[in-house]
Amino acid sequence: MTVELHGVWCARHVVGEHAAFARDIARRTLLAVEDERLARVDLAADVVGLPVARIGRRAWLSRGACKVSQYGGETVEGWTVGKRGDLYLRVYDKTLELDEPRNVDKREEEHERLRALGWDGEAPVTRVEYELTSDVLSELNVRHPDQFLERIDAVWKYATRARRLVSLRTASRPSRCRTDPRWRVVQLATFGRDDGEVAVRMRRPSRSASARRTLSAVLNYGVDAGVIAPVDLHDATGKLRPASEVVEALSGAAADRRTREWLVRCASAAVSAAVDEMQRNFGGRALWADGARKTFAHVIEKVNARHARRGTAIVPDEALERAAIEAA
């Protein structure tokens, strides 16, 4: 179950109430709550004195290569830095957004909130907003709501350093430029208990993320193809139990064996369907043998291309070489 809290509601409540509200909904809806994890967090601060129209593309700096885009018409209305799924930064003119007809219902409420924070009602307000997905939250070790609330300021400090605005006049290369003084105001924003910590992101090897995505795809195919039936989690009295309770009676070896058996069945079905489709596309029904050879040659090319991108040496395999020659 996913509980999604939108920005307007979040602005009406203090940070600590968000998790409590989501937990209350889950407990009222589900029979049991086995675990809590954040799927996504949007962390934002509103500032005055940072007009987005006067910021150039090269002034945005990030750790590692990332995409920088602007949006709006003749006048720049906002910037995005990074890509969705990673640490994603949006910086945009909040007052201009509130003036749009579609936001008439929340305009006055947002204006009142800004005035309570010292806004004079005239100066342009800029929203600085970071989108943190589950992978980013895990790598920052704040996937659990309590962990995130405890270290929310440390996460903000990390984010505002990882994607930031620099003063291009301070060095010839953007990577050596100092942080723009206007951005330092953004970095000083606080949400809870600021103890000076800057969160550290421990990036996981991309292969593990790729393996997880492959695992999910294989399981999804197996379910859709009818290879794996749903598991009944009810006990003898009809009470629904969490999966962790159902598997408690299994030994570690038995649980491992069943996991692998299920995945092999799903993978086998997925591979069989994919190979059949490729052979039909390459050779058609009348030329099955030709399609089979071309399919294998295609697989060899994909394998070698992947190794080439990874910079690994390709060690010839005699059987593969013979197969490639025969397919040619």
C-alpha atoms as a PDB file:
ATOM      1  CA  MET A   1       0.000   0.000   0.000  1.00  0.00           C
ATOM      2  CA  THR A   2       1.255   3.480  -0.879  1.00  0.00           C
ATOM      3  CA  VAL A   3       0.080   6.612   0.937  1.00  0.00           C
ATOM      4  CA  GLU A   4       0.744   9.747  -1.112  1.00  0.00           C
ATOM      5  CA  LEU A   5       0.676  13.153   0.612  1.00  0.00           C
ATOM      6  CA  HIS A   6       0.497  16.165  -1.679  1.00  0.00           C
ATOM      7  CA  GLY A   7       2.334  19.464  -1.266  1.00  0.00           C
ATOM      8  CA  VAL A   8      -0.582  21.654  -0.174  1.00  0.00           C
ATOM      9  CA  TRP A   9      -1.516  19.253   2.617  1.00  0.00           C
ATOM     10  CA  CYS A  10       2.111  18.928   3.715  1.00  0.00           C
ATOM     11  CA  ALA A  11       2.465  22.715   3.887  1.00  0.00           C
ATOM     12  CA  ARG A  12      -0.437  22.867   6.351  1.00  0.00           C
ATOM     13  CA  HIS A  13       1.226  20.500   8.815  1.00  0.00           C
ATOM     14  CA  VAL A  14       4.568  20.312  10.562  1.00  0.00           C
ATOM     15  CA  VAL A  15       7.047  17.774   9.237  1.00  0.00           C
ATOM     16  CA  GLY A  16       6.584  15.262  12.053  1.00  0.00           C
ATOM     17  CA  GLU A  17       2.850  14.937  11.363  1.00  0.00           C
ATOM     18  CA  HIS A  18       3.323  13.597   7.829  1.00  0.00           C
ATOM     19  CA  ALA A  19       4.539  10.125   8.807  1.00  0.00           C
ATOM     20  CA  ALA A  20       2.025   9.882  11.662  1.00  0.00           C
ATOM     21  CA  PHE A  21      -0.861  10.624   9.294  1.00  0.00           C
ATOM     22  CA  ALA A  22       0.342   8.055   6.722  1.00  0.00           C
ATOM     23  CA  ARG A  23       0.711   5.433   9.457  1.00  0.00           C
ATOM     24  CA  ASP A  24      -2.799   6.105  10.709  1.00  0.00           C
ATOM     25  CA  ILE A  25      -4.237   5.595   7.211  1.00  0.00           C
ATOM     26  CA  ALA A  26      -2.289   2.348   6.768  1.00  0.00           C
ATOM     27  CA  ARG A  27      -3.371   0.961  10.131  1.00  0.00           C
ATOM     28  CA  ARG A  28      -7.017   1.780   9.459  1.00  0.00           C
ATOM     29  CA  THR A  29      -6.859   0.174   6.001  1.00  0.00           C
ATOM     30  CA  LEU A  30      -4.633  -2.892   6.420  1.00  0.00           C
ATOM     31  CA  LEU A  31      -4.876  -5.845   8.749  1.00  0.00           C
ATOM     32  CA  ALA A  32      -1.172  -5.632   9.527  1.00  0.00           C
ATOM     33  CA  VAL A  33       1.696  -3.287   8.663  1.00  0.00           C
ATOM     34  CA  GLU A  34       4.851  -5.311   8.079  1.00  0.00           C
ATOM     35  CA  ASP A  35       7.276  -2.565   7.082  1.00  0.00           C
ATOM     36  CA  GLU A  36       7.485   1.152   6.317  1.00  0.00           C
ATOM     37  CA  ARG A  37       9.539   2.619   3.484  1.00  0.00           C
ATOM     38  CA  LEU A  38       9.578   5.925   1.685  1.00  0.00           C
ATOM     39  CA  ALA A  39       9.009   5.629  -2.065  1.00  0.00           C
ATOM     40  CA  ARG A  40       9.687   9.288  -2.842  1.00  0.00           C
ATOM     41  CA  VAL A  41      10.196  12.574  -1.012  1.00  0.00           C
ATOM     42  CA  ASP A  42       9.961  16.100  -2.421  1.00  0.00           C
ATOM     43  CA  LEU A  43      11.920  18.467  -0.187  1.00  0.00           C
ATOM     44  CA  ALA A  44      11.488  22.181  -0.906  1.00  0.00           C
ATOM     45  CA  ALA A  45      12.268  25.674   0.345  1.00  0.00           C
ATOM     46  CA  ASP A  46      10.937  29.057  -0.832  1.00  0.00           C
ATOM     47  CA  VAL A  47      13.407  31.941  -1.133  1.00  0.00           C
ATOM     48  CA  VAL A  48      13.360  35.591  -2.176  1.00  0.00           C
ATOM     49  CA  GLY A  49      16.202  37.156  -4.139  1.00  0.00           C
ATOM     50  CA  LEU A  50      16.893  34.296  -6.544  1.00  0.00           C
ATOM     51  CA  PRO A  51      15.218  35.304  -9.851  1.00  0.00           C
ATOM     52  CA  VAL A  52      15.281  32.281 -12.145  1.00  0.00           C
ATOM     53  CA  ALA A  53      15.217  34.425 -15.303  1.00  0.00           C
ATOM     54  CA  ARG A  54      18.652  35.828 -14.444  1.00  0.00           C
ATOM     55  CA  ILE A  55      20.366  32.445 -14.081  1.00  0.00           C
ATOM     56  CA  GLY A  56      22.363  30.943 -16.947  1.00  0.00           C
ATOM     57  CA  ARG A  57      22.554  27.280 -17.852  1.00  0.00           C
ATOM     58  CA  ARG A  58      26.316  26.969 -17.143  1.00  0.00           C
ATOM     59  CA  ALA A  59      25.860  28.240 -13.600  1.00  0.00           C
ATOM     60  CA  TRP A  60      24.263  24.969 -12.496  1.00  0.00           C
ATOM     61  CA  LEU A  61      26.795  22.511 -11.135  1.00  0.00           C
ATOM     62  CA  SER A  62      26.357  18.913 -10.070  1.00  0.00           C
ATOM     63  CA  ARG A  63      28.438  15.961  -8.949  1.00  0.00           C
ATOM     64  CA  GLY A  64      28.806  13.975 -12.144  1.00  0.00           C
ATOM     65  CA  ALA A  65      27.354  14.694 -15.552  1.00  0.00           C
ATOM     66  CA  CYS A  66      23.656  15.536 -15.632  1.00  0.00           C
ATOM     67  CA  LYS A  67      21.104  17.247 -17.813  1.00  0.00           C
ATOM     68  CA  VAL A  68      20.198  20.916 -17.275  1.00  0.00           C
ATOM     69  CA  SER A  69      16.970  22.181 -18.857  1.00  0.00           C
ATOM     70  CA  GLN A  70      14.998  25.404 -18.762  1.00  0.00           C
ATOM     71  CA  TYR A  71      11.281  25.863 -19.286  1.00  0.00           C
ATOM     72  CA  GLY A  72       9.017  28.779 -20.059  1.00  0.00           C
ATOM     73  CA  GLY A  73       8.504  30.945 -23.111  1.00  0.00           C
ATOM     74  CA  GLU A  74      10.642  33.956 -23.998  1.00  0.00           C
ATOM     75  CA  THR A  75      11.258  34.468 -20.287  1.00  0.00           C
ATOM     76  CA  VAL A  76      12.813  31.625 -18.289  1.00  0.00           C
ATOM     77  CA  GLU A  77      10.300  30.395 -15.701  1.00  0.00           C
ATOM     78  CA  GLY A  78      12.327  27.587 -14.192  1.00  0.00           C
ATOM     79  CA  TRP A  79      15.198  25.118 -14.356  1.00  0.00           C
ATOM     80  CA  THR A  80      15.563  21.389 -13.882  1.00  0.00           C
ATOM     81  CA  VAL A  81      18.895  19.760 -13.040  1.00  0.00           C
ATOM     82  CA  GLY A  82      19.453  16.004 -13.155  1.00  0.00           C
ATOM     83  CA  LYS A  83      17.103  13.267 -14.251  1.00  0.00           C
ATOM     84  CA  ARG A  84      14.007  11.660 -12.807  1.00  0.00           C
ATOM     85  CA  GLY A  85      14.857   8.615 -10.748  1.00  0.00           C
ATOM     86  CA  ASP A  86      18.049  10.198  -9.427  1.00  0.00           C
ATOM     87  CA  LEU A  87      18.496  13.369  -7.372  1.00  0.00           C
ATOM     88  CA  TYR A  88      16.305  15.754  -9.374  1.00  0.00           C
ATOM     89  CA  LEU A  89      16.277  19.508  -8.797  1.00  0.00           C
ATOM     90  CA  ARG A  90      13.512  21.903  -9.849  1.00  0.00           C
ATOM     91  CA  VAL A  91      13.943  25.657  -9.409  1.00  0.00           C
ATOM     92  CA  TYR A  92      11.041  27.806 -10.579  1.00  0.00           C
ATOM     93  CA  ASP A  93       9.161  31.072 -10.083  1.00  0.00           C
ATOM     94  CA  LYS A  94       6.576  30.171  -7.445  1.00  0.00           C
ATOM     95  CA  THR A  95       4.672  33.464  -7.592  1.00  0.00           C
ATOM     96  CA  LEU A  96       4.316  33.113 -11.359  1.00  0.00           C
ATOM     97  CA  GLU A  97       3.035  29.564 -10.948  1.00  0.00           C
ATOM     98  CA  LEU A  98       0.444  30.678  -8.387  1.00  0.00           C
ATOM     99  CA  ASP A  99      -0.832  33.343 -10.792  1.00  0.00           C
ATOM    100  CA  GLU A 100      -1.877  30.658 -13.286  1.00  0.00           C
ATOM    101  CA  PRO A 101      -5.681  30.138 -13.517  1.00  0.00           C
ATOM    102  CA  ARG A 102      -5.367  26.442 -12.610  1.00  0.00           C
ATOM    103  CA  ASN A 103      -3.962  27.403  -9.175  1.00  0.00           C
ATOM    104  CA  VAL A 104      -6.672  29.877  -8.142  1.00  0.00           C
ATOM    105  CA  ASP A 105      -7.936  27.544  -5.392  1.00  0.00           C
ATOM    106  CA  LYS A 106      -4.632  27.371  -3.550  1.00  0.00           C
ATOM    107  CA  ARG A 107      -3.274  30.835  -4.387  1.00  0.00           C
ATOM    108  CA  GLU A 108      -4.601  32.712  -1.352  1.00  0.00           C
ATOM    109  CA  GLU A 109      -3.626  29.959   1.073  1.00  0.00           C
ATOM    110  CA  GLU A 110      -0.078  29.878  -0.295  1.00  0.00           C
ATOM    111  CA  HIS A 111       0.152  33.683  -0.177  1.00  0.00           C
ATOM    112  CA  GLU A 112      -0.936  33.670   3.474  1.00  0.00           C
ATOM    113  CA  ARG A 113       1.673  31.049   4.301  1.00  0.00           C
ATOM    114  CA  LEU A 114       4.389  33.101   2.602  1.00  0.00           C
ATOM    115  CA  ARG A 115       3.299  36.320   4.372  1.00  0.00           C
ATOM    116  CA  ALA A 116       3.487  34.511   7.708  1.00  0.00           C
ATOM    117  CA  LEU A 117       7.124  33.747   6.863  1.00  0.00           C
ATOM    118  CA  GLY A 118       7.903  37.418   6.150  1.00  0.00           C
ATOM    119  CA  TRP A 119       7.012  37.828   2.479  1.00  0.00           C
ATOM    120  CA  ASP A 120       6.054  41.407   1.558  1.00  0.00           C
ATOM    121  CA  GLY A 121       3.511  40.300  -1.023  1.00  0.00           C
ATOM    122  CA  GLU A 122       5.448  41.813  -3.927  1.00  0.00           C
ATOM    123  CA  ALA A 123       8.894  40.258  -4.278  1.00  0.00           C
ATOM    124  CA  PRO A 124       9.136  37.205  -6.575  1.00  0.00           C
ATOM    125  CA  VAL A 125       9.382  33.941  -4.655  1.00  0.00           C
ATOM    126  CA  THR A 126      11.489  31.096  -6.022  1.00  0.00           C
ATOM    127  CA  ARG A 127      10.773  27.482  -5.120  1.00  0.00           C
ATOM    128  CA  VAL A 128      13.825  25.212  -4.774  1.00  0.00           C
ATOM    129  CA  GLU A 129      12.627  21.620  -4.786  1.00  0.00           C
ATOM    130  CA  TYR A 130      14.520  18.333  -4.714  1.00  0.00           C
ATOM    131  CA  GLU A 131      12.910  15.059  -5.704  1.00  0.00           C
ATOM    132  CA  LEU A 132      14.455  12.052  -3.968  1.00  0.00           C
ATOM    133  CA  THR A 133      13.378   8.609  -5.149  1.00  0.00           C
ATOM    134  CA  SER A 134      13.658   5.314  -3.298  1.00  0.00           C
ATOM    135  CA  ASP A 135      17.141   4.514  -4.662  1.00  0.00           C
ATOM    136  CA  VAL A 136      18.514   7.884  -3.530  1.00  0.00           C
ATOM    137  CA  LEU A 137      16.878   7.557  -0.109  1.00  0.00           C
ATOM    138  CA  SER A 138      18.352   4.059   0.311  1.00  0.00           C
ATOM    139  CA  GLU A 139      21.835   5.226  -0.654  1.00  0.00           C
ATOM    140  CA  LEU A 140      21.515   8.032   1.916  1.00  0.00           C
ATOM    141  CA  ASN A 141      20.342   5.467   4.503  1.00  0.00           C
ATOM    142  CA  VAL A 142      17.069   7.319   5.152  1.00  0.00           C
ATOM    143  CA  ARG A 143      14.536   4.997   3.509  1.00  0.00           C
ATOM    144  CA  HIS A 144      12.584   4.517   6.755  1.00  0.00           C
ATOM    145  CA  PRO A 145      10.391   7.534   7.669  1.00  0.00           C
ATOM    146  CA  ASP A 146      11.909   7.838  11.144  1.00  0.00           C
ATOM    147  CA  GLN A 147      15.438   7.838   9.698  1.00  0.00           C
ATOM    148  CA  PHE A 148      14.502  10.547   7.234  1.00  0.00           C
ATOM    149  CA  LEU A 149      12.854  12.759   9.854  1.00  0.00           C
ATOM    150  CA  GLU A 150      15.860  12.375  12.147  1.00  0.00           C
ATOM    151  CA  ARG A 151      18.306  13.435   9.407  1.00  0.00           C
ATOM    152  CA  ILE A 152      16.167  15.658   7.202  1.00  0.00           C
ATOM    153  CA  ASP A 153      18.545  18.628   7.515  1.00  0.00           C
ATOM    154  CA  ALA A 154      21.538  16.436   6.715  1.00  0.00           C
ATOM    155  CA  VAL A 155      19.753  15.285   3.546  1.00  0.00           C
ATOM    156  CA  TRP A 156      19.040  18.909   2.576  1.00  0.00           C
ATOM    157  CA  LYS A 157      22.679  19.822   3.067  1.00  0.00           C
ATOM    158  CA  TYR A 158      23.737  16.939   0.827  1.00  0.00           C
ATOM    159  CA  ALA A 159      21.224  17.831  -1.880  1.00  0.00           C
ATOM    160  CA  THR A 160      22.034  21.546  -1.969  1.00  0.00           C
ATOM    161  CA  ARG A 161      25.715  20.712  -2.401  1.00  0.00           C
ATOM    162  CA  ALA A 162      25.254  17.932  -4.962  1.00  0.00           C
ATOM    163  CA  ARG A 163      23.120  20.162  -7.242  1.00  0.00           C
ATOM    164  CA  ARG A 164      23.897  23.826  -6.751  1.00  0.00           C
ATOM    165  CA  LEU A 165      24.304  27.267  -8.279  1.00  0.00           C
ATOM    166  CA  VAL A 166      27.838  28.660  -8.680  1.00  0.00           C
ATOM    167  CA  SER A 167      29.305  32.061  -9.456  1.00  0.00           C
ATOM    168  CA  LEU A 168      31.017  31.729 -12.848  1.00  0.00           C
ATOM    169  CA  ARG A 169      33.171  34.801 -12.222  1.00  0.00           C
ATOM    170  CA  THR A 170      35.164  33.093  -9.471  1.00  0.00           C
ATOM    171  CA  ALA A 171      37.048  30.615 -11.702  1.00  0.00           C
ATOM    172  CA  SER A 172      37.582  29.720 -15.348  1.00  0.00           C
ATOM    173  CA  ARG A 173      36.109  26.219 -14.933  1.00  0.00           C
ATOM    174  CA  PRO A 174      32.606  25.738 -13.444  1.00  0.00           C
ATOM    175  CA  SER A 175      33.821  22.810 -11.317  1.00  0.00           C
ATOM    176  CA  ARG A 176      36.199  25.177  -9.511  1.00  0.00           C
ATOM    177  CA  CYS A 177      33.730  28.027  -9.083  1.00  0.00           C
ATOM    178  CA  ARG A 178      32.534  29.049  -5.657  1.00  0.00           C
ATOM    179  CA  THR A 179      28.949  28.600  -4.597  1.00  0.00           C
ATOM    180  CA  ASP A 180      26.799  31.584  -5.562  1.00  0.00           C
ATOM    181  CA  PRO A 181      26.077  33.729  -2.438  1.00  0.00           C
ATOM    182  CA  ARG A 182      22.367  33.571  -3.234  1.00  0.00           C
ATOM    183  CA  TRP A 183      22.535  29.772  -3.100  1.00  0.00           C
ATOM    184  CA  ARG A 184      24.105  29.850   0.354  1.00  0.00           C
ATOM    185  CA  VAL A 185      20.765  31.163   1.612  1.00  0.00           C
ATOM    186  CA  VAL A 186      19.168  28.027   0.163  1.00  0.00           C
ATOM    187  CA  GLN A 187      21.759  25.813   1.861  1.00  0.00           C
ATOM    188  CA  LEU A 188      21.017  27.424   5.236  1.00  0.00           C
ATOM    189  CA  ALA A 189      17.330  26.436   5.201  1.00  0.00           C
ATOM    190  CA  THR A 190      16.385  24.080   8.041  1.00  0.00           C
ATOM    191  CA  PHE A 191      13.455  21.727   8.596  1.00  0.00           C
ATOM    192  CA  GLY A 192      14.068  20.090  11.938  1.00  0.00           C
ATOM    193  CA  ARG A 193      17.121  19.633  14.101  1.00  0.00           C
ATOM    194  CA  ASP A 194      20.198  20.951  12.307  1.00  0.00           C
ATOM    195  CA  ASP A 195      23.267  19.431  13.944  1.00  0.00           C
ATOM    196  CA  GLY A 196      25.644  20.310  11.094  1.00  0.00           C
ATOM    197  CA  GLU A 197      25.733  16.821   9.567  1.00  0.00           C
ATOM    198  CA  VAL A 198      25.911  16.461   5.795  1.00  0.00           C
ATOM    199  CA  ALA A 199      24.457  13.156   4.624  1.00  0.00           C
ATOM    200  CA  VAL A 200      26.775  10.876   2.647  1.00  0.00           C
ATOM    201  CA  ARG A 201      25.420   8.985  -0.328  1.00  0.00           C
ATOM    202  CA  MET A 202      26.823   5.485  -0.697  1.00  0.00           C
ATOM    203  CA  ARG A 203      26.144   4.658  -4.331  1.00  0.00           C
ATOM    204  CA  ARG A 204      25.446   1.020  -5.033  1.00  0.00           C
ATOM    205  CA  PRO A 205      27.041  -0.720  -7.989  1.00  0.00           C
ATOM    206  CA  SER A 206      24.880  -0.336 -11.049  1.00  0.00           C
ATOM    207  CA  ARG A 207      24.959  -4.088 -11.587  1.00  0.00           C
ATOM    208  CA  SER A 208      22.956  -4.693  -8.413  1.00  0.00           C
ATOM    209  CA  ALA A 209      20.319  -2.177  -9.473  1.00  0.00           C
ATOM    210  CA  SER A 210      20.222  -3.800 -12.900  1.00  0.00           C
ATOM    211  CA  ALA A 211      19.859  -7.231 -11.299  1.00  0.00           C
ATOM    212  CA  ARG A 212      16.938  -6.005  -9.187  1.00  0.00           C
ATOM    213  CA  ARG A 213      15.184  -4.573 -12.230  1.00  0.00           C
ATOM    214  CA  THR A 214      15.761  -7.815 -14.137  1.00  0.00           C
ATOM    215  CA  LEU A 215      14.414  -9.829 -11.211  1.00  0.00           C
ATOM    216  CA  SER A 216      11.254  -7.709 -11.083  1.00  0.00           C
ATOM    217  CA  ALA A 217      10.752  -7.999 -14.838  1.00  0.00           C
ATOM    218  CA  VAL A 218      11.163 -11.788 -14.728  1.00  0.00           C
ATOM    219  CA  LEU A 219       8.681 -12.151 -11.867  1.00  0.00           C
ATOM    220  CA  ASN A 220       6.178  -9.845 -13.544  1.00  0.00           C
ATOM    221  CA  TYR A 221       6.390 -11.880 -16.762  1.00  0.00           C
ATOM    222  CA  GLY A 222       5.953 -15.134 -14.872  1.00  0.00           C
ATOM    223  CA  VAL A 223       2.826 -13.857 -13.138  1.00  0.00           C
ATOM    224  CA  ASP A 224       1.347 -12.424 -16.354  1.00  0.00           C
ATOM    225  CA  ALA A 225       2.071 -15.669 -18.223  1.00  0.00           C
ATOM    226  CA  GLY A 226       0.429 -17.772 -15.516  1.00  0.00           C
ATOM    227  CA  VAL A 227       3.671 -19.511 -14.549  1.00  0.00           C
ATOM    228  CA  ILE A 228       3.370 -18.520 -10.877  1.00  0.00           C
ATOM    229  CA  ALA A 229       0.032 -18.672  -9.099  1.00  0.00           C
ATOM    230  CA  PRO A 230      -0.883 -16.277  -6.261  1.00  0.00           C
ATOM    231  CA  VAL A 231       0.029 -17.466  -2.762  1.00  0.00           C
ATOM    232  CA  ASP A 232      -2.739 -17.853  -0.203  1.00  0.00           C
ATOM    233  CA  LEU A 233      -1.629 -16.040   2.946  1.00  0.00           C
ATOM    234  CA  HIS A 234      -4.713 -16.864   5.033  1.00  0.00           C
ATOM    235  CA  ASP A 235      -4.480 -19.152   8.036  1.00  0.00           C
ATOM    236  CA  ALA A 236      -7.017 -21.827   8.977  1.00  0.00           C
ATOM    237  CA  THR A 237      -9.348 -19.223  10.513  1.00  0.00           C
ATOM    238  CA  GLY A 238      -9.282 -17.045   7.393  1.00  0.00           C
ATOM    239  CA  LYS A 239      -7.034 -14.366   8.893  1.00  0.00           C
ATOM    240  CA  LEU A 240      -4.631 -12.728   6.469  1.00  0.00           C
ATOM    241  CA  ARG A 241      -0.989 -13.090   7.535  1.00  0.00           C
ATOM    242  CA  PRO A 242       2.070 -11.155   6.345  1.00  0.00           C
ATOM    243  CA  ALA A 243       4.416 -13.071   4.024  1.00  0.00           C
ATOM    244  CA  SER A 244       7.213 -12.903   6.619  1.00  0.00           C
ATOM    245  CA  GLU A 245       5.062 -14.893   9.025  1.00  0.00           C
ATOM    246  CA  VAL A 246       4.127 -17.501   6.417  1.00  0.00           C
ATOM    247  CA  VAL A 247       7.769 -18.339   5.646  1.00  0.00           C
ATOM    248  CA  GLU A 248       8.903 -18.515   9.282  1.00  0.00           C
ATOM    249  CA  ALA A 249       8.497 -22.306   9.330  1.00  0.00           C
ATOM    250  CA  LEU A 250      10.922 -22.729   6.417  1.00  0.00           C
ATOM    251  CA  SER A 251      14.637 -23.232   6.884  1.00  0.00           C
ATOM    252  CA  GLY A 252      16.996 -20.864   5.131  1.00  0.00           C
ATOM    253  CA  ALA A 253      17.945 -23.560   2.626  1.00  0.00           C
ATOM    254  CA  ALA A 254      14.307 -24.347   1.834  1.00  0.00           C
ATOM    255  CA  ALA A 255      13.453 -20.659   1.352  1.00  0.00           C
ATOM    256  CA  ASP A 256      16.472 -20.214  -0.932  1.00  0.00           C
ATOM    257  CA  ARG A 257      15.561 -23.311  -2.975  1.00  0.00           C
ATOM    258  CA  ARG A 258      11.968 -22.206  -3.506  1.00  0.00           C
ATOM    259  CA  THR A 259      13.010 -18.680  -4.465  1.00  0.00           C
ATOM    260  CA  ARG A 260      15.380 -20.017  -7.105  1.00  0.00           C
ATOM    261  CA  GLU A 261      12.824 -22.544  -8.378  1.00  0.00           C
ATOM    262  CA  TRP A 262      10.238 -19.807  -8.906  1.00  0.00           C
ATOM    263  CA  LEU A 263      12.692 -17.503 -10.638  1.00  0.00           C
ATOM    264  CA  VAL A 264      14.015 -20.285 -12.900  1.00  0.00           C
ATOM    265  CA  ARG A 265      10.466 -21.128 -13.974  1.00  0.00           C
ATOM    266  CA  CYS A 266       9.687 -17.476 -14.712  1.00  0.00           C
ATOM    267  CA  ALA A 267      13.013 -16.897 -16.478  1.00  0.00           C
ATOM    268  CA  SER A 268      12.646 -20.062 -18.543  1.00  0.00           C
ATOM    269  CA  ALA A 269       9.211 -18.990 -19.745  1.00  0.00           C
ATOM    270  CA  ALA A 270      10.435 -15.456 -20.526  1.00  0.00           C
ATOM    271  CA  VAL A 271      13.521 -16.688 -22.417  1.00  0.00           C
ATOM    272  CA  SER A 272      11.509 -19.242 -24.390  1.00  0.00           C
ATOM    273  CA  ALA A 273       8.962 -16.628 -25.452  1.00  0.00           C
ATOM    274  CA  ALA A 274      11.667 -14.095 -26.367  1.00  0.00           C
ATOM    275  CA  VAL A 275      13.693 -16.589 -28.419  1.00  0.00           C
ATOM    276  CA  ASP A 276      10.598 -17.820 -30.268  1.00  0.00           C
ATOM    277  CA  GLU A 277       9.646 -14.263 -31.152  1.00  0.00           C
ATOM    278  CA  MET A 278      13.171 -13.389 -32.350  1.00  0.00           C
ATOM    279  CA  GLN A 279      13.377 -16.520 -34.492  1.00  0.00           C
ATOM    280  CA  ARG A 280      10.052 -15.717 -36.106  1.00  0.00           C
ATOM    281  CA  ASN A 281      11.146 -12.160 -36.812  1.00  0.00           C
ATOM    282  CA  PHE A 282      14.490 -13.234 -38.284  1.00  0.00           C
ATOM    283  CA  GLY A 283      13.388 -16.251 -40.326  1.00  0.00           C
ATOM    284  CA  GLY A 284       9.648 -16.697 -40.307  1.00  0.00           C
ATOM    285  CA  ARG A 285       7.875 -20.022 -39.908  1.00  0.00           C
ATOM    286  CA  ALA A 286       9.138 -21.429 -43.220  1.00  0.00           C
ATOM    287  CA  LEU A 287      12.763 -20.604 -42.410  1.00  0.00           C
ATOM    288  CA  TRP A 288      12.948 -21.620 -38.757  1.00  0.00           C
ATOM    289  CA  ALA A 289      16.544 -22.956 -38.979  1.00  0.00           C
ATOM    290  CA  ASP A 290      17.732 -19.756 -40.627  1.00  0.00           C
ATOM    291  CA  GLY A 291      15.945 -17.705 -37.949  1.00  0.00           C
ATOM    292  CA  ALA A 292      17.530 -19.791 -35.196  1.00  0.00           C
ATOM    293  CA  ARG A 293      21.031 -19.191 -36.554  1.00  0.00           C
ATOM    294  CA  LYS A 294      20.464 -15.471 -37.010  1.00  0.00           C
ATOM    295  CA  THR A 295      19.043 -15.245 -33.505  1.00  0.00           C
ATOM    296  CA  PHE A 296      22.159 -16.851 -32.030  1.00  0.00           C
ATOM    297  CA  ALA A 297      24.411 -14.568 -34.099  1.00  0.00           C
ATOM    298  CA  HIS A 298      22.406 -11.587 -32.774  1.00  0.00           C
ATOM    299  CA  VAL A 299      22.871 -12.806 -29.190  1.00  0.00           C
ATOM    300  CA  ILE A 300      26.640 -13.132 -29.733  1.00  0.00           C
ATOM    301  CA  GLU A 301      26.814  -9.582 -31.085  1.00  0.00           C
ATOM    302  CA  LYS A 302      24.866  -8.259 -28.096  1.00  0.00           C
ATOM    303  CA  VAL A 303      27.172 -10.069 -25.663  1.00  0.00           C
ATOM    304  CA  ASN A 304      30.329  -8.736 -27.339  1.00  0.00           C
ATOM    305  CA  ALA A 305      28.926  -5.214 -27.571  1.00  0.00           C
ATOM    306  CA  ARG A 306      28.140  -5.249 -23.860  1.00  0.00           C
ATOM    307  CA  HIS A 307      31.635  -6.427 -22.985  1.00  0.00           C
ATOM    308  CA  ALA A 308      33.091  -3.743 -25.242  1.00  0.00           C
ATOM    309  CA  ARG A 309      31.122  -1.011 -23.437  1.00  0.00           C
ATOM    310  CA  ARG A 310      32.340  -2.337 -20.091  1.00  0.00           C
ATOM    311  CA  GLY A 311      35.921  -2.412 -21.323  1.00  0.00           C
ATOM    312  CA  THR A 312      36.317  -6.155 -20.744  1.00  0.00           C
ATOM    313  CA  ALA A 313      38.552  -8.296 -22.878  1.00  0.00           C
ATOM    314  CA  ILE A 314      36.632 -10.775 -25.019  1.00  0.00           C
ATOM    315  CA  VAL A 315      38.055 -14.279 -24.695  1.00  0.00           C
ATOM    316  CA  PRO A 316      37.056 -16.359 -27.742  1.00  0.00           C
ATOM    317  CA  ASP A 317      35.039 -19.432 -26.990  1.00  0.00           C
ATOM    318  CA  GLU A 318      35.585 -22.213 -29.528  1.00  0.00           C
ATOM    319  CA  ALA A 319      31.980 -23.338 -29.488  1.00  0.00           C
ATOM    320  CA  LEU A 320      30.717 -19.789 -29.945  1.00  0.00           C
ATOM    321  CA  GLU A 321      33.219 -19.143 -32.732  1.00  0.00           C
ATOM    322  CA  ARG A 322      32.087 -22.240 -34.576  1.00  0.00           C
ATOM    323  CA  ALA A 323      28.444 -21.284 -34.113  1.00  0.00           C
ATOM    324  CA  ALA A 324      29.087 -17.780 -35.379  1.00  0.00           C
ATOM    325  CA  ILE A 325      30.881 -19.115 -38.472  1.00  0.00           C
ATOM    326  CA  GLU A 326      28.039 -21.550 -39.172  1.00  0.00           C
ATOM    327  CA  ALA A 327      25.431 -18.805 -38.705  1.00  0.00           C
ATOM    328  CA  ALA A 328      27.278 -16.586 -41.174  1.00  0.00           C
END
